N, C-alpha and C. Protein backbone atom coordinates (compact mmCIF):
# COMPACT_ATOMS: atom_id res chain seq x y z
N UNK A 1 1.05 -0.96 0.27
CA UNK A 1 0.05 0.29 0.05
C UNK A 1 1.06 1.16 -0.13
N UNK A 2 0.86 1.96 -0.99
CA UNK A 2 1.73 3.32 -1.45
C UNK A 2 1.09 4.30 -0.88
N UNK A 3 1.59 5.19 0.11
CA UNK A 3 0.81 6.46 0.19
C UNK A 3 2.13 7.46 0.31
N UNK A 4 1.68 8.92 -0.41
CA UNK A 4 2.69 9.86 -0.58
C UNK A 4 2.47 10.80 0.72
N UNK A 5 3.62 11.32 0.66
CA UNK A 5 3.49 12.54 1.69
C UNK A 5 2.36 13.64 1.21
N UNK A 6 1.71 14.00 2.14
CA UNK A 6 0.71 15.28 1.94
C UNK A 6 -0.48 14.27 1.21
N UNK A 7 -0.42 13.02 1.33
CA UNK A 7 -1.93 12.25 1.09
C UNK A 7 -3.07 12.49 1.60
N UNK A 8 -4.17 12.44 1.00
CA UNK A 8 -5.38 12.65 1.78
C UNK A 8 -6.45 11.48 2.04
N UNK A 9 -6.21 11.32 3.27
CA UNK A 9 -6.70 10.00 3.61
C UNK A 9 -7.83 10.15 4.87
N UNK A 10 -8.26 11.39 4.46
CA UNK A 10 -9.62 11.76 5.47
C UNK A 10 -10.88 10.88 5.36
N UNK A 11 -11.07 10.61 6.67
CA UNK A 11 -12.42 9.79 6.64
C UNK A 11 -12.33 8.45 6.19
N UNK A 12 -11.09 7.96 6.09
CA UNK A 12 -10.80 6.51 5.75
C UNK A 12 -10.94 5.38 7.09
N UNK A 13 -11.03 4.63 6.43
CA UNK A 13 -10.68 3.23 7.76
C UNK A 13 -9.70 2.33 7.27
N UNK A 14 -8.80 2.14 8.26
CA UNK A 14 -7.71 1.17 7.85
C UNK A 14 -7.49 0.55 9.07
N UNK A 15 -7.48 -0.90 8.84
CA UNK A 15 -7.47 -1.53 10.08
C UNK A 15 -6.24 -2.79 9.84
N UNK A 16 -5.26 -2.68 10.75
CA UNK A 16 -4.37 -3.88 10.70
C UNK A 16 -3.19 -3.73 9.51
N UNK A 17 -2.78 -2.35 9.20
CA UNK A 17 -2.05 -2.21 8.25
C UNK A 17 -0.63 -1.55 8.74
N UNK A 18 0.32 -1.95 8.53
CA UNK A 18 1.72 -1.42 8.99
C UNK A 18 2.10 -0.43 7.86
N UNK A 19 2.33 0.89 8.55
CA UNK A 19 3.01 2.05 7.72
C UNK A 19 4.08 2.11 8.40
N UNK A 20 4.78 1.82 9.34
CA UNK A 20 6.02 1.88 9.74
C UNK A 20 7.23 2.48 8.85
N UNK A 21 7.64 3.18 9.29
CA UNK A 21 8.91 4.11 8.59
C UNK A 21 8.70 4.62 7.54
N UNK A 22 7.37 4.99 7.14
CA UNK A 22 6.99 5.85 6.02
C UNK A 22 7.14 7.10 6.01
N UNK A 23 6.98 7.90 4.99
CA UNK A 23 6.96 9.35 4.87
C UNK A 23 5.63 9.75 4.84
N UNK A 24 4.82 10.05 5.42
CA UNK A 24 3.57 10.70 5.67
C UNK A 24 3.40 12.07 6.17
N UNK A 25 4.50 12.94 6.08
CA UNK A 25 4.53 14.15 6.58
C UNK A 25 3.44 14.86 5.99
N UNK A 26 2.67 16.04 6.53
CA UNK A 26 1.85 16.68 6.07
C UNK A 26 0.30 15.82 5.42
N UNK A 27 0.13 14.62 5.85
CA UNK A 27 -1.07 13.66 5.37
C UNK A 27 -2.07 14.07 6.10
N UNK A 28 -3.26 13.88 5.73
CA UNK A 28 -4.42 14.42 6.12
C UNK A 28 -5.22 13.14 6.32
N UNK A 29 -5.18 12.76 7.75
CA UNK A 29 -6.28 11.67 8.27
C UNK A 29 -7.36 12.18 8.96
N UNK A 30 -7.79 13.11 8.72
CA UNK A 30 -8.93 13.96 9.63
C UNK A 30 -10.30 12.89 9.47
N UNK A 31 -10.44 12.75 10.92
CA UNK A 31 -11.87 11.74 10.99
C UNK A 31 -11.74 10.29 10.74
N UNK A 32 -10.35 10.03 10.50
CA UNK A 32 -10.11 8.65 10.08
C UNK A 32 -10.56 7.69 11.03
N UNK A 33 -10.72 6.31 10.91
CA UNK A 33 -10.43 5.50 11.60
C UNK A 33 -9.38 4.65 11.37
N UNK A 34 -8.36 4.63 12.17
CA UNK A 34 -7.40 3.39 12.06
C UNK A 34 -6.92 2.59 13.42
N UNK A 35 -7.60 1.34 13.01
CA UNK A 35 -7.68 0.45 14.31
C UNK A 35 -6.33 -0.46 14.04
N UNK A 36 -5.63 -0.56 14.99
CA UNK A 36 -4.37 -1.65 14.94
C UNK A 36 -3.22 -1.30 13.88
N UNK A 37 -3.43 0.19 13.49
CA UNK A 37 -2.28 0.60 12.35
C UNK A 37 -1.14 0.92 13.22
N UNK A 38 0.07 0.50 12.63
CA UNK A 38 1.29 0.60 12.91
C UNK A 38 2.18 1.91 12.31
N UNK A 39 2.31 2.71 12.88
CA UNK A 39 3.18 4.16 12.60
C UNK A 39 4.36 4.00 13.12
N UNK A 40 5.06 3.11 13.37
CA UNK A 40 6.31 3.31 14.24
C UNK A 40 7.22 3.92 13.30
N UNK A 41 8.19 4.69 13.93
CA UNK A 41 8.96 5.60 13.01
C UNK A 41 8.73 6.12 11.91
N UNK A 42 7.56 6.43 11.84
CA UNK A 42 6.91 7.26 10.62
C UNK A 42 6.97 8.88 10.51
N UNK A 43 7.10 9.30 9.81
CA UNK A 43 7.36 10.84 9.78
C UNK A 43 5.81 11.33 9.23
N UNK A 44 5.56 11.70 10.33
CA UNK A 44 3.87 12.56 10.38
C UNK A 44 4.08 13.81 10.70
N UNK A 45 5.01 14.45 10.68
CA UNK A 45 5.30 15.67 11.05
C UNK A 45 4.49 16.60 10.23
N UNK A 46 3.43 17.71 10.85
CA UNK A 46 2.74 18.51 10.15
C UNK A 46 1.42 17.88 9.69
N UNK A 47 1.54 16.50 10.10
CA UNK A 47 -0.08 15.46 9.40
C UNK A 47 -1.23 16.15 10.17
N UNK A 48 -2.33 15.91 9.61
CA UNK A 48 -3.67 16.23 10.33
C UNK A 48 -4.43 15.25 10.78
N UNK A 49 -4.53 15.10 12.05
CA UNK A 49 -4.82 13.64 12.36
C UNK A 49 -6.19 14.04 13.42
N UNK A 50 -6.92 15.38 13.02
CA UNK A 50 -7.73 15.70 13.87
C UNK A 50 -9.12 14.58 13.73
N UNK A 51 -9.62 14.39 15.02
CA UNK A 51 -10.92 13.76 15.17
C UNK A 51 -10.71 12.31 14.54
N UNK A 52 -9.37 11.76 14.68
CA UNK A 52 -9.03 10.39 14.36
C UNK A 52 -9.53 9.35 15.47
N UNK A 53 -9.88 8.07 15.27
CA UNK A 53 -10.02 7.24 16.25
C UNK A 53 -9.29 6.26 15.92
N UNK A 54 -8.16 5.97 16.94
CA UNK A 54 -7.07 5.04 16.73
C UNK A 54 -6.93 4.06 17.83
N UNK A 55 -7.86 2.98 17.75
CA UNK A 55 -7.34 1.89 18.78
C UNK A 55 -6.31 0.95 18.60
N UNK A 56 -5.59 0.55 19.55
CA UNK A 56 -4.25 -0.18 19.44
C UNK A 56 -3.46 0.61 18.67
N UNK A 57 -3.30 1.71 18.50
CA UNK A 57 -2.09 2.37 17.32
C UNK A 57 -0.78 2.30 18.13
N UNK A 58 0.24 2.28 17.29
CA UNK A 58 1.56 2.32 17.46
C UNK A 58 2.25 3.35 16.91
N UNK A 59 2.71 4.11 17.68
CA UNK A 59 3.36 5.44 16.91
C UNK A 59 4.76 5.94 17.73
N UNK A 60 5.17 4.62 17.99
CA UNK A 60 6.64 4.50 18.93
C UNK A 60 7.37 5.23 17.89
N UNK A 61 8.32 5.99 18.40
CA UNK A 61 9.34 6.46 17.70
C UNK A 61 8.83 7.76 16.57
N UNK A 62 7.72 7.64 16.62
CA UNK A 62 7.16 8.56 15.14
C UNK A 62 7.21 9.92 15.19
N UNK A 63 7.58 10.74 14.17
CA UNK A 63 7.73 12.22 14.24
C UNK A 63 6.76 13.04 14.18
N UNK A 64 5.93 13.39 14.77
CA UNK A 64 4.58 13.98 14.93
C UNK A 64 4.68 15.56 15.29
N UNK A 65 5.92 16.09 15.05
CA UNK A 65 6.22 17.34 15.02
C UNK A 65 5.16 18.18 14.42
N UNK A 66 4.58 18.97 15.18
CA UNK A 66 3.70 19.84 14.60
C UNK A 66 2.32 19.59 13.90
N UNK A 67 2.10 18.51 14.31
CA UNK A 67 0.87 17.58 13.78
C UNK A 67 -0.42 18.06 14.54
N UNK A 68 -1.71 18.28 14.17
CA UNK A 68 -2.86 18.74 14.57
C UNK A 68 -3.27 17.20 14.92
N UNK A 69 -3.39 17.12 16.14
CA UNK A 69 -4.30 15.71 16.86
C UNK A 69 -5.41 16.34 17.48
N UNK A 70 -5.95 17.30 17.33
CA UNK A 70 -7.35 18.26 18.11
C UNK A 70 -8.20 17.09 18.21
N UNK A 71 -8.90 16.55 19.32
CA UNK A 71 -10.08 15.91 19.09
C UNK A 71 -9.73 14.24 19.00
N UNK A 72 -8.19 13.79 18.99
CA UNK A 72 -7.84 12.47 18.35
C UNK A 72 -8.35 11.90 19.52
N UNK A 73 -8.55 10.46 19.36
CA UNK A 73 -9.19 9.48 20.26
C UNK A 73 -8.31 8.40 20.27
N UNK A 74 -7.18 8.06 21.07
CA UNK A 74 -6.34 7.17 20.98
C UNK A 74 -6.05 6.75 22.30
N UNK A 75 -7.06 5.82 23.29
CA UNK A 75 -7.01 5.30 24.41
C UNK A 75 -5.75 3.84 24.36
N UNK A 76 -5.10 4.08 25.29
CA UNK A 76 -3.79 3.16 25.42
C UNK A 76 -3.13 3.16 24.35
N UNK A 77 -2.79 4.23 23.44
CA UNK A 77 -1.91 4.13 22.45
C UNK A 77 -0.41 4.10 22.71
N UNK A 78 0.30 3.78 21.90
CA UNK A 78 1.59 3.47 22.28
C UNK A 78 2.40 4.53 21.12
N UNK A 79 3.16 5.66 22.24
CA UNK A 79 3.64 6.73 21.76
C UNK A 79 5.24 7.03 22.16
N UNK A 80 5.55 5.80 22.79
CA UNK A 80 7.07 5.86 23.53
C UNK A 80 8.02 6.47 22.61
N UNK A 81 8.70 7.30 23.09
CA UNK A 81 9.75 8.02 22.30
C UNK A 81 9.32 8.95 21.04
N UNK A 82 8.01 8.86 20.99
CA UNK A 82 7.68 9.96 19.68
C UNK A 82 8.07 11.17 20.05
N UNK A 83 8.14 11.71 18.72
CA UNK A 83 8.54 13.63 18.74
C UNK A 83 7.11 14.19 18.35
N UNK A 84 6.56 14.76 19.76
CA UNK A 84 5.54 15.40 19.15
C UNK A 84 5.44 17.18 19.73
N UNK A 85 6.71 17.45 19.21
CA UNK A 85 7.42 18.97 19.26
C UNK A 85 6.08 19.50 18.63
N UNK A 86 5.80 20.59 19.63
CA UNK A 86 4.81 21.80 18.92
C UNK A 86 3.58 21.26 18.63
N UNK A 87 3.02 20.17 18.76
CA UNK A 87 1.89 19.48 18.34
C UNK A 87 0.61 19.82 18.91
N UNK A 88 -0.44 19.96 18.24
CA UNK A 88 -1.83 20.18 18.74
C UNK A 88 -2.64 19.23 19.30
N UNK A 89 -2.78 19.11 20.58
CA UNK A 89 -3.34 17.99 21.21
C UNK A 89 -4.57 18.35 22.29
N UNK A 90 -5.31 19.52 21.72
CA UNK A 90 -6.27 20.05 22.37
C UNK A 90 -7.35 19.06 22.39
N UNK A 91 -8.12 18.87 23.57
CA UNK A 91 -9.10 17.81 23.51
C UNK A 91 -8.90 16.38 23.23
N UNK A 92 -7.61 16.16 23.26
CA UNK A 92 -7.18 14.70 22.59
C UNK A 92 -7.68 13.48 23.77
N UNK A 93 -8.07 12.55 23.39
CA UNK A 93 -8.32 11.50 24.50
C UNK A 93 -7.20 10.44 24.47
N UNK A 94 -6.32 10.68 25.48
CA UNK A 94 -5.08 9.64 25.70
C UNK A 94 -5.02 8.84 27.11
N UNK A 95 -6.31 8.58 27.32
CA UNK A 95 -6.26 7.68 28.56
C UNK A 95 -5.42 6.22 28.84
N UNK A 96 -4.44 6.33 29.46
CA UNK A 96 -3.55 4.99 29.68
C UNK A 96 -2.58 4.92 28.18
N UNK A 97 -2.31 6.24 27.76
CA UNK A 97 -1.42 6.00 26.65
C UNK A 97 0.08 5.88 27.07
N UNK A 98 1.16 5.30 26.41
CA UNK A 98 2.39 5.22 26.85
C UNK A 98 3.11 6.27 26.22
N UNK A 99 3.42 7.55 27.03
CA UNK A 99 4.01 8.56 26.11
C UNK A 99 5.69 8.66 26.74
N UNK A 100 5.90 7.65 27.41
CA UNK A 100 7.52 7.68 28.10
C UNK A 100 8.36 7.86 26.91
N UNK A 101 9.23 8.86 27.31
CA UNK A 101 10.42 9.35 26.58
C UNK A 101 9.96 10.33 25.56
N UNK A 102 8.69 10.74 25.25
CA UNK A 102 8.29 11.24 24.13
C UNK A 102 8.75 12.66 24.42
N UNK A 103 8.94 13.55 23.52
CA UNK A 103 8.85 14.87 23.68
C UNK A 103 7.90 15.60 23.20
N UNK A 104 7.13 16.32 23.99
CA UNK A 104 6.19 17.00 24.19
C UNK A 104 6.23 18.58 24.43
N UNK A 105 7.60 18.86 24.26
CA UNK A 105 7.82 20.28 24.38
C UNK A 105 6.93 21.33 23.29
N UNK A 106 6.69 22.29 23.88
CA UNK A 106 6.08 23.55 23.51
C UNK A 106 4.54 22.76 22.62
N UNK A 107 4.12 21.60 23.20
CA UNK A 107 2.59 21.23 22.83
C UNK A 107 1.70 21.67 23.00
N UNK A 108 0.67 21.76 22.73
CA UNK A 108 -0.72 22.13 23.29
C UNK A 108 -1.64 20.99 23.95
N UNK A 109 -1.90 20.91 24.94
CA UNK A 109 -2.66 19.60 25.76
C UNK A 109 -3.71 20.23 26.21
N UNK A 110 -4.18 21.49 26.02
CA UNK A 110 -5.25 22.02 26.91
C UNK A 110 -6.48 20.96 26.36
N UNK A 111 -6.85 21.03 27.76
CA UNK A 111 -8.40 19.99 28.01
C UNK A 111 -8.09 18.69 27.73
N UNK A 112 -6.94 18.10 27.35
CA UNK A 112 -6.89 16.85 26.97
C UNK A 112 -7.05 15.93 28.15
N UNK A 113 -7.30 14.27 27.66
CA UNK A 113 -7.42 13.71 28.81
C UNK A 113 -6.07 12.68 28.97
N UNK A 114 -5.23 12.79 29.88
CA UNK A 114 -4.10 11.74 30.13
C UNK A 114 -4.16 11.12 31.04
N UNK A 115 -5.23 10.86 31.72
CA UNK A 115 -5.57 9.98 32.92
C UNK A 115 -4.81 8.90 32.76
N UNK A 116 -4.12 8.61 33.91
CA UNK A 116 -3.20 7.11 33.98
C UNK A 116 -2.49 6.87 32.85
N UNK A 117 -1.98 7.79 32.06
CA UNK A 117 -0.92 7.73 31.24
C UNK A 117 0.35 7.66 31.66
N UNK A 118 1.31 7.20 31.09
CA UNK A 118 2.65 6.94 30.95
C UNK A 118 3.52 8.13 30.67
N UNK A 119 3.80 9.04 31.78
CA UNK A 119 4.70 10.28 30.93
C UNK A 119 5.97 9.91 31.65
N UNK A 120 6.77 8.85 32.05
CA UNK A 120 7.80 8.71 32.65
C UNK A 120 8.94 9.49 31.49
N UNK A 121 9.83 10.31 32.04
CA UNK A 121 10.85 10.91 31.54
C UNK A 121 10.56 11.47 29.97
N UNK A 122 9.29 12.04 29.95
CA UNK A 122 8.64 12.89 28.77
C UNK A 122 9.03 14.17 28.96
N UNK A 123 9.39 14.73 27.95
CA UNK A 123 9.78 16.29 27.76
C UNK A 123 8.86 17.24 27.61
N UNK A 124 8.14 18.03 28.73
CA UNK A 124 6.88 18.94 28.49
C UNK A 124 7.56 19.99 28.72
N UNK A 125 8.44 20.43 28.49
CA UNK A 125 9.07 21.94 28.21
C UNK A 125 8.38 22.79 27.50
N UNK A 126 7.67 24.11 28.45
CA UNK A 126 7.01 24.81 27.40
C UNK A 126 5.86 24.32 27.34
N UNK A 127 5.25 23.17 27.47
CA UNK A 127 4.05 22.54 26.80
C UNK A 127 3.04 23.37 27.85
N UNK A 128 1.41 23.24 27.27
CA UNK A 128 0.37 23.90 27.83
C UNK A 128 -0.44 22.63 28.21
N UNK A 129 -0.71 22.56 29.44
CA UNK A 129 -1.73 21.39 29.85
C UNK A 129 -2.53 21.97 30.91
N UNK A 130 -2.97 22.91 30.45
CA UNK A 130 -4.23 23.74 31.27
C UNK A 130 -5.52 23.08 31.12
N UNK A 131 -5.99 22.93 32.39
CA UNK A 131 -7.46 22.08 32.29
C UNK A 131 -7.13 20.62 31.74
N UNK A 132 -6.02 19.96 31.76
CA UNK A 132 -5.63 18.85 31.35
C UNK A 132 -5.96 17.76 32.38
N UNK A 133 -6.59 16.48 32.08
CA UNK A 133 -6.72 15.55 33.15
C UNK A 133 -5.73 14.70 33.30
N UNK A 134 -5.01 14.90 34.34
CA UNK A 134 -3.88 14.27 34.71
C UNK A 134 -3.63 13.25 36.05
N UNK A 135 -5.18 12.68 36.16
CA UNK A 135 -5.42 11.87 37.61
C UNK A 135 -4.72 10.55 36.88
N UNK A 136 -3.92 9.91 38.07
CA UNK A 136 -3.41 8.74 37.80
C UNK A 136 -2.03 8.68 36.98
N UNK A 137 -1.88 9.86 36.22
CA UNK A 137 -0.91 9.92 35.17
C UNK A 137 0.66 9.74 36.15
N UNK A 138 1.53 9.22 35.49
CA UNK A 138 2.87 8.84 36.05
C UNK A 138 3.98 9.74 35.14
N UNK A 139 4.34 10.80 35.93
CA UNK A 139 5.38 12.19 35.53
C UNK A 139 6.43 11.86 35.97
N UNK A 140 7.09 10.99 36.36
CA UNK A 140 8.27 10.55 37.32
C UNK A 140 9.39 10.89 35.91
N UNK A 141 10.32 11.67 36.44
CA UNK A 141 11.62 12.05 35.65
C UNK A 141 11.06 13.02 34.31
N UNK A 142 9.89 13.60 34.32
CA UNK A 142 9.41 14.30 33.23
C UNK A 142 9.86 15.67 33.30
N UNK A 143 10.39 16.30 32.27
CA UNK A 143 10.98 17.58 32.40
C UNK A 143 9.87 18.83 32.35
N UNK A 144 9.49 19.43 33.34
CA UNK A 144 8.26 20.38 33.37
C UNK A 144 8.66 21.98 33.24
N UNK A 145 9.80 22.38 33.02
CA UNK A 145 10.32 23.65 32.96
C UNK A 145 9.50 24.50 31.93
N UNK A 146 8.49 25.28 32.47
CA UNK A 146 7.64 26.50 31.60
C UNK A 146 6.53 25.85 31.27
N UNK A 147 6.25 24.85 32.00
CA UNK A 147 4.79 24.22 31.49
C UNK A 147 3.81 24.88 32.35
N UNK A 148 2.83 25.05 31.53
CA UNK A 148 1.50 25.24 32.21
C UNK A 148 0.59 24.49 32.77
N UNK A 149 0.34 24.38 33.74
CA UNK A 149 -0.50 23.32 34.50
C UNK A 149 -1.78 24.16 35.36
N UNK A 150 -1.97 25.16 34.61
CA UNK A 150 -3.19 25.96 35.46
C UNK A 150 -4.49 24.98 35.49
N UNK A 151 -4.96 24.61 36.58
CA UNK A 151 -6.61 23.88 36.76
C UNK A 151 -6.34 22.37 36.06
N UNK A 152 -5.17 21.71 35.87
CA UNK A 152 -4.74 20.73 35.47
C UNK A 152 -4.68 19.51 36.11
N UNK A 153 -4.29 19.59 37.32
CA UNK A 153 -4.25 18.35 38.40
C UNK A 153 -5.34 18.52 39.51
N UNK A 154 -6.09 17.19 39.53
CA UNK A 154 -7.24 16.87 40.28
C UNK A 154 -6.52 15.93 41.54
N UNK A 155 -5.29 15.51 41.18
CA UNK A 155 -4.81 14.63 42.45
C UNK A 155 -3.09 14.55 41.96
N UNK A 156 -2.36 14.44 43.03
CA UNK A 156 -1.08 14.57 42.59
C UNK A 156 -0.32 13.49 41.87
N UNK A 157 -0.15 13.54 40.52
CA UNK A 157 0.60 12.24 40.01
C UNK A 157 2.16 12.09 40.52
N UNK A 158 2.37 10.89 40.70
CA UNK A 158 4.02 10.25 40.97
C UNK A 158 4.66 11.17 39.90
N UNK A 159 5.82 11.64 40.63
CA UNK A 159 6.78 12.28 39.95
C UNK A 159 6.87 14.03 39.73
N UNK A 160 5.54 14.25 40.06
CA UNK A 160 5.58 15.73 40.38
C UNK A 160 5.78 16.32 41.84
N UNK A 161 6.88 17.02 41.91
CA UNK A 161 7.53 17.42 43.13
C UNK A 161 6.83 18.58 43.84
N UNK A 162 6.03 19.11 42.91
CA UNK A 162 5.23 20.55 43.58
C UNK A 162 4.17 20.77 42.60
N UNK A 163 2.91 21.28 43.12
CA UNK A 163 1.94 21.76 42.26
C UNK A 163 2.07 23.07 42.18
N UNK A 164 1.96 23.59 40.80
CA UNK A 164 1.91 25.15 40.79
C UNK A 164 1.02 25.67 39.38
N UNK A 165 1.02 26.81 39.01
CA UNK A 165 0.56 27.25 38.12
C UNK A 165 1.60 27.23 36.85
N UNK A 166 2.63 27.58 37.02
CA UNK A 166 3.49 27.45 36.07
C UNK A 166 4.78 27.07 36.73
N UNK A 167 5.65 25.94 35.95
CA UNK A 167 7.04 25.37 36.55
C UNK A 167 7.85 26.58 36.15
N UNK A 168 8.87 26.92 37.04
CA UNK A 168 9.88 27.89 36.66
C UNK A 168 10.79 27.14 35.72
N UNK A 169 11.34 28.09 34.68
CA UNK A 169 12.16 28.09 33.59
C UNK A 169 13.56 27.85 34.28
N UNK A 170 14.64 27.32 33.59
CA UNK A 170 15.98 27.07 34.12
C UNK A 170 16.48 28.22 34.20
N UNK A 171 17.18 28.85 34.81
CA UNK A 171 18.08 29.93 34.80
C UNK A 171 19.15 30.25 33.99
């Protein structure tokens, strides 16, 4: 199955497809259903994944820099080591997602659901997590310099040393 960068795959349905290592930068997946699709190490930078439904998705090591994942639904998604620098994740549903070691610096996770997510050693530098659900999330070893956390926490997740509206930036 061959897809080019900037391909329009909006509102398509793909099941058990392996797209690992492909160049799909700028592709449009708006409203697509992607069940058990593997995007491991795939270049999805600048892709539009708005309102996608992805069950059992594997995006480990994927490049999702500046991708739009607004309202994406990816429960228990595998995003280990993924690059989500500057990504839009507003209202994204990522409960129980594995984001360990992921780079989420400067990403916007406003009102996202990260309940019970694994964010161990994730880079959240300068990210916006305002009104984000972090109940049960593990932030052990996560980088939080300059991260906006206003109204985000309903309980104190592991790895968060103090609760504040904005973590201080390094001097």
